[in-house]
Amino acid sequence: MTWTLKAHFAVPRDEICAAVQRFVAQSSVSVDSVTLDAVGRFATFDVDLAECVPAAASAGTGLPIVTYDLDYRKFADVTAKCPRELHPDGKA
């Protein structure tokens, strides 16, 4: 939803962030701590919400994210590794 609003409808990012924050703040909406963390990351960092959810989960568990996406390195509390870092001979 957030990507579509930004990419296809040119809604400014700050408006999207504000709308998502208003939505999760409603008393009739129940969200878990990972989702709340992800929404906070989305509002703070110039990263898509789709990256903020796994980042929040990773920060909560301490488990690394294995990805080529450099956006995860923007989060100080998330360990992001390239697949080749996990391969014994560095090839991946």
C-alpha atoms as a PDB file:
ATOM      1  CA  MET A   1       0.000   0.000   0.000  1.00  0.00           C
ATOM      2  CA  THR A   2       2.698   2.496   0.982  1.00  0.00           C
ATOM      3  CA  TRP A   3       4.813   1.746  -2.078  1.00  0.00           C
ATOM      4  CA  THR A   4       1.798   2.109  -4.394  1.00  0.00           C
ATOM      5  CA  LEU A   5       0.842   5.449  -2.874  1.00  0.00           C
ATOM      6  CA  LYS A   6       4.372   6.744  -3.333  1.00  0.00           C
ATOM      7  CA  ALA A   7       5.267   5.204  -6.697  1.00  0.00           C
ATOM      8  CA  HIS A   8       2.002   5.338  -8.595  1.00  0.00           C
ATOM      9  CA  PHE A   9       0.103   8.189  -6.999  1.00  0.00           C
ATOM     10  CA  ALA A  10       3.061  10.428  -6.041  1.00  0.00           C
ATOM     11  CA  VAL A  11       1.810  10.906  -2.488  1.00  0.00           C
ATOM     12  CA  PRO A  12       4.618  12.538  -0.494  1.00  0.00           C
ATOM     13  CA  ARG A  13       6.386  10.175   1.892  1.00  0.00           C
ATOM     14  CA  ASP A  14       5.687  12.331   4.958  1.00  0.00           C
ATOM     15  CA  GLU A  15       1.941  12.183   4.232  1.00  0.00           C
ATOM     16  CA  ILE A  16       2.078   8.407   3.903  1.00  0.00           C
ATOM     17  CA  CYS A  17       4.010   8.095   7.176  1.00  0.00           C
ATOM     18  CA  ALA A  18       1.525  10.334   8.986  1.00  0.00           C
ATOM     19  CA  ALA A  19      -1.440   8.348   7.652  1.00  0.00           C
ATOM     20  CA  VAL A  20       0.081   5.010   8.691  1.00  0.00           C
ATOM     21  CA  GLN A  21       0.874   6.374  12.151  1.00  0.00           C
ATOM     22  CA  ARG A  22      -2.682   7.701  12.539  1.00  0.00           C
ATOM     23  CA  PHE A  23      -4.075   4.341  11.450  1.00  0.00           C
ATOM     24  CA  VAL A  24      -2.098   2.245  13.947  1.00  0.00           C
ATOM     25  CA  ALA A  25      -2.825   4.757  16.734  1.00  0.00           C
ATOM     26  CA  GLN A  26      -6.589   4.192  16.497  1.00  0.00           C
ATOM     27  CA  SER A  27      -8.035   2.424  19.510  1.00  0.00           C
ATOM     28  CA  SER A  28      -9.941   0.055  17.233  1.00  0.00           C
ATOM     29  CA  VAL A  29      -6.718  -1.169  15.594  1.00  0.00           C
ATOM     30  CA  SER A  30      -4.618  -3.777  17.355  1.00  0.00           C
ATOM     31  CA  VAL A  31      -0.991  -4.147  16.281  1.00  0.00           C
ATOM     32  CA  ASP A  32       1.913  -6.039  17.790  1.00  0.00           C
ATOM     33  CA  SER A  33       5.204  -4.566  18.967  1.00  0.00           C
ATOM     34  CA  VAL A  34       7.055  -5.519  15.755  1.00  0.00           C
ATOM     35  CA  THR A  35       4.494  -3.626  13.676  1.00  0.00           C
ATOM     36  CA  LEU A  36       4.718  -0.569  15.931  1.00  0.00           C
ATOM     37  CA  ASP A  37       8.506  -0.676  15.684  1.00  0.00           C
ATOM     38  CA  ALA A  38       8.289  -1.001  11.888  1.00  0.00           C
ATOM     39  CA  VAL A  39       5.975   2.004  11.609  1.00  0.00           C
ATOM     40  CA  GLY A  40       8.400   4.026  13.737  1.00  0.00           C
ATOM     41  CA  ARG A  41      11.298   2.990  11.504  1.00  0.00           C
ATOM     42  CA  PHE A  42       9.276   3.883   8.416  1.00  0.00           C
ATOM     43  CA  ALA A  43       8.683   7.365   9.807  1.00  0.00           C
ATOM     44  CA  THR A  44      12.327   7.822  10.829  1.00  0.00           C
ATOM     45  CA  PHE A  45      14.364   6.293   8.004  1.00  0.00           C
ATOM     46  CA  ASP A  46      14.096   6.716   4.248  1.00  0.00           C
ATOM     47  CA  VAL A  47      13.329   3.022   3.807  1.00  0.00           C
ATOM     48  CA  ASP A  48      10.204   1.308   2.486  1.00  0.00           C
ATOM     49  CA  LEU A  49       7.826  -0.176   5.037  1.00  0.00           C
ATOM     50  CA  ALA A  50       8.466  -3.558   3.414  1.00  0.00           C
ATOM     51  CA  GLU A  51      12.060  -3.371   4.711  1.00  0.00           C
ATOM     52  CA  CYS A  52      11.078  -1.932   8.087  1.00  0.00           C
ATOM     53  CA  VAL A  53       9.033  -4.973   9.126  1.00  0.00           C
ATOM     54  CA  PRO A  54      11.864  -7.534   8.833  1.00  0.00           C
ATOM     55  CA  ALA A  55      14.251  -4.980  10.363  1.00  0.00           C
ATOM     56  CA  ALA A  56      11.976  -4.602  13.387  1.00  0.00           C
ATOM     57  CA  ALA A  57      11.674  -8.382  13.705  1.00  0.00           C
ATOM     58  CA  SER A  58      15.438  -8.775  13.431  1.00  0.00           C
ATOM     59  CA  ALA A  59      16.062  -6.115  16.063  1.00  0.00           C
ATOM     60  CA  GLY A  60      13.579  -7.813  18.381  1.00  0.00           C
ATOM     61  CA  THR A  61      15.130 -11.263  18.050  1.00  0.00           C
ATOM     62  CA  GLY A  62      18.771 -10.411  17.404  1.00  0.00           C
ATOM     63  CA  LEU A  63      18.754 -12.635  14.329  1.00  0.00           C
ATOM     64  CA  PRO A  64      20.566 -11.279  11.253  1.00  0.00           C
ATOM     65  CA  ILE A  65      18.951 -10.492   7.937  1.00  0.00           C
ATOM     66  CA  VAL A  66      20.572 -12.101   4.910  1.00  0.00           C
ATOM     67  CA  THR A  67      20.109  -9.834   1.911  1.00  0.00           C
ATOM     68  CA  TYR A  68      21.780  -7.871  -0.843  1.00  0.00           C
ATOM     69  CA  ASP A  69      19.601  -4.860   0.060  1.00  0.00           C
ATOM     70  CA  LEU A  70      21.852  -2.164   1.544  1.00  0.00           C
ATOM     71  CA  ASP A  71      18.909  -0.361   3.183  1.00  0.00           C
ATOM     72  CA  TYR A  72      19.128  -2.702   6.168  1.00  0.00           C
ATOM     73  CA  ARG A  73      22.515  -1.245   7.013  1.00  0.00           C
ATOM     74  CA  LYS A  74      20.782   2.028   7.906  1.00  0.00           C
ATOM     75  CA  PHE A  75      19.520   0.437  11.126  1.00  0.00           C
ATOM     76  CA  ALA A  76      22.148   0.400  13.881  1.00  0.00           C
ATOM     77  CA  ASP A  77      20.318  -2.356  15.769  1.00  0.00           C
ATOM     78  CA  VAL A  78      20.050  -4.740  12.800  1.00  0.00           C
ATOM     79  CA  THR A  79      22.782  -7.055  11.565  1.00  0.00           C
ATOM     80  CA  ALA A  80      22.584  -7.438   7.779  1.00  0.00           C
ATOM     81  CA  LYS A  81      24.771  -9.902   5.956  1.00  0.00           C
ATOM     82  CA  CYS A  82      25.266 -10.569   2.266  1.00  0.00           C
ATOM     83  CA  PRO A  83      24.641 -14.203   1.290  1.00  0.00           C
ATOM     84  CA  ARG A  84      28.302 -14.626   0.361  1.00  0.00           C
ATOM     85  CA  GLU A  85      29.284 -13.776   3.947  1.00  0.00           C
ATOM     86  CA  LEU A  86      27.584 -16.991   5.043  1.00  0.00           C
ATOM     87  CA  HIS A  87      29.062 -19.232   2.348  1.00  0.00           C
ATOM     88  CA  PRO A  88      32.236 -21.055   3.443  1.00  0.00           C
ATOM     89  CA  ASP A  89      34.285 -19.975   0.433  1.00  0.00           C
ATOM     90  CA  GLY A  90      32.727 -16.513   0.062  1.00  0.00           C
ATOM     91  CA  LYS A  91      30.838 -17.388  -3.129  1.00  0.00           C
ATOM     92  CA  ALA A  92      27.143 -16.719  -3.418  1.00  0.00           C
END
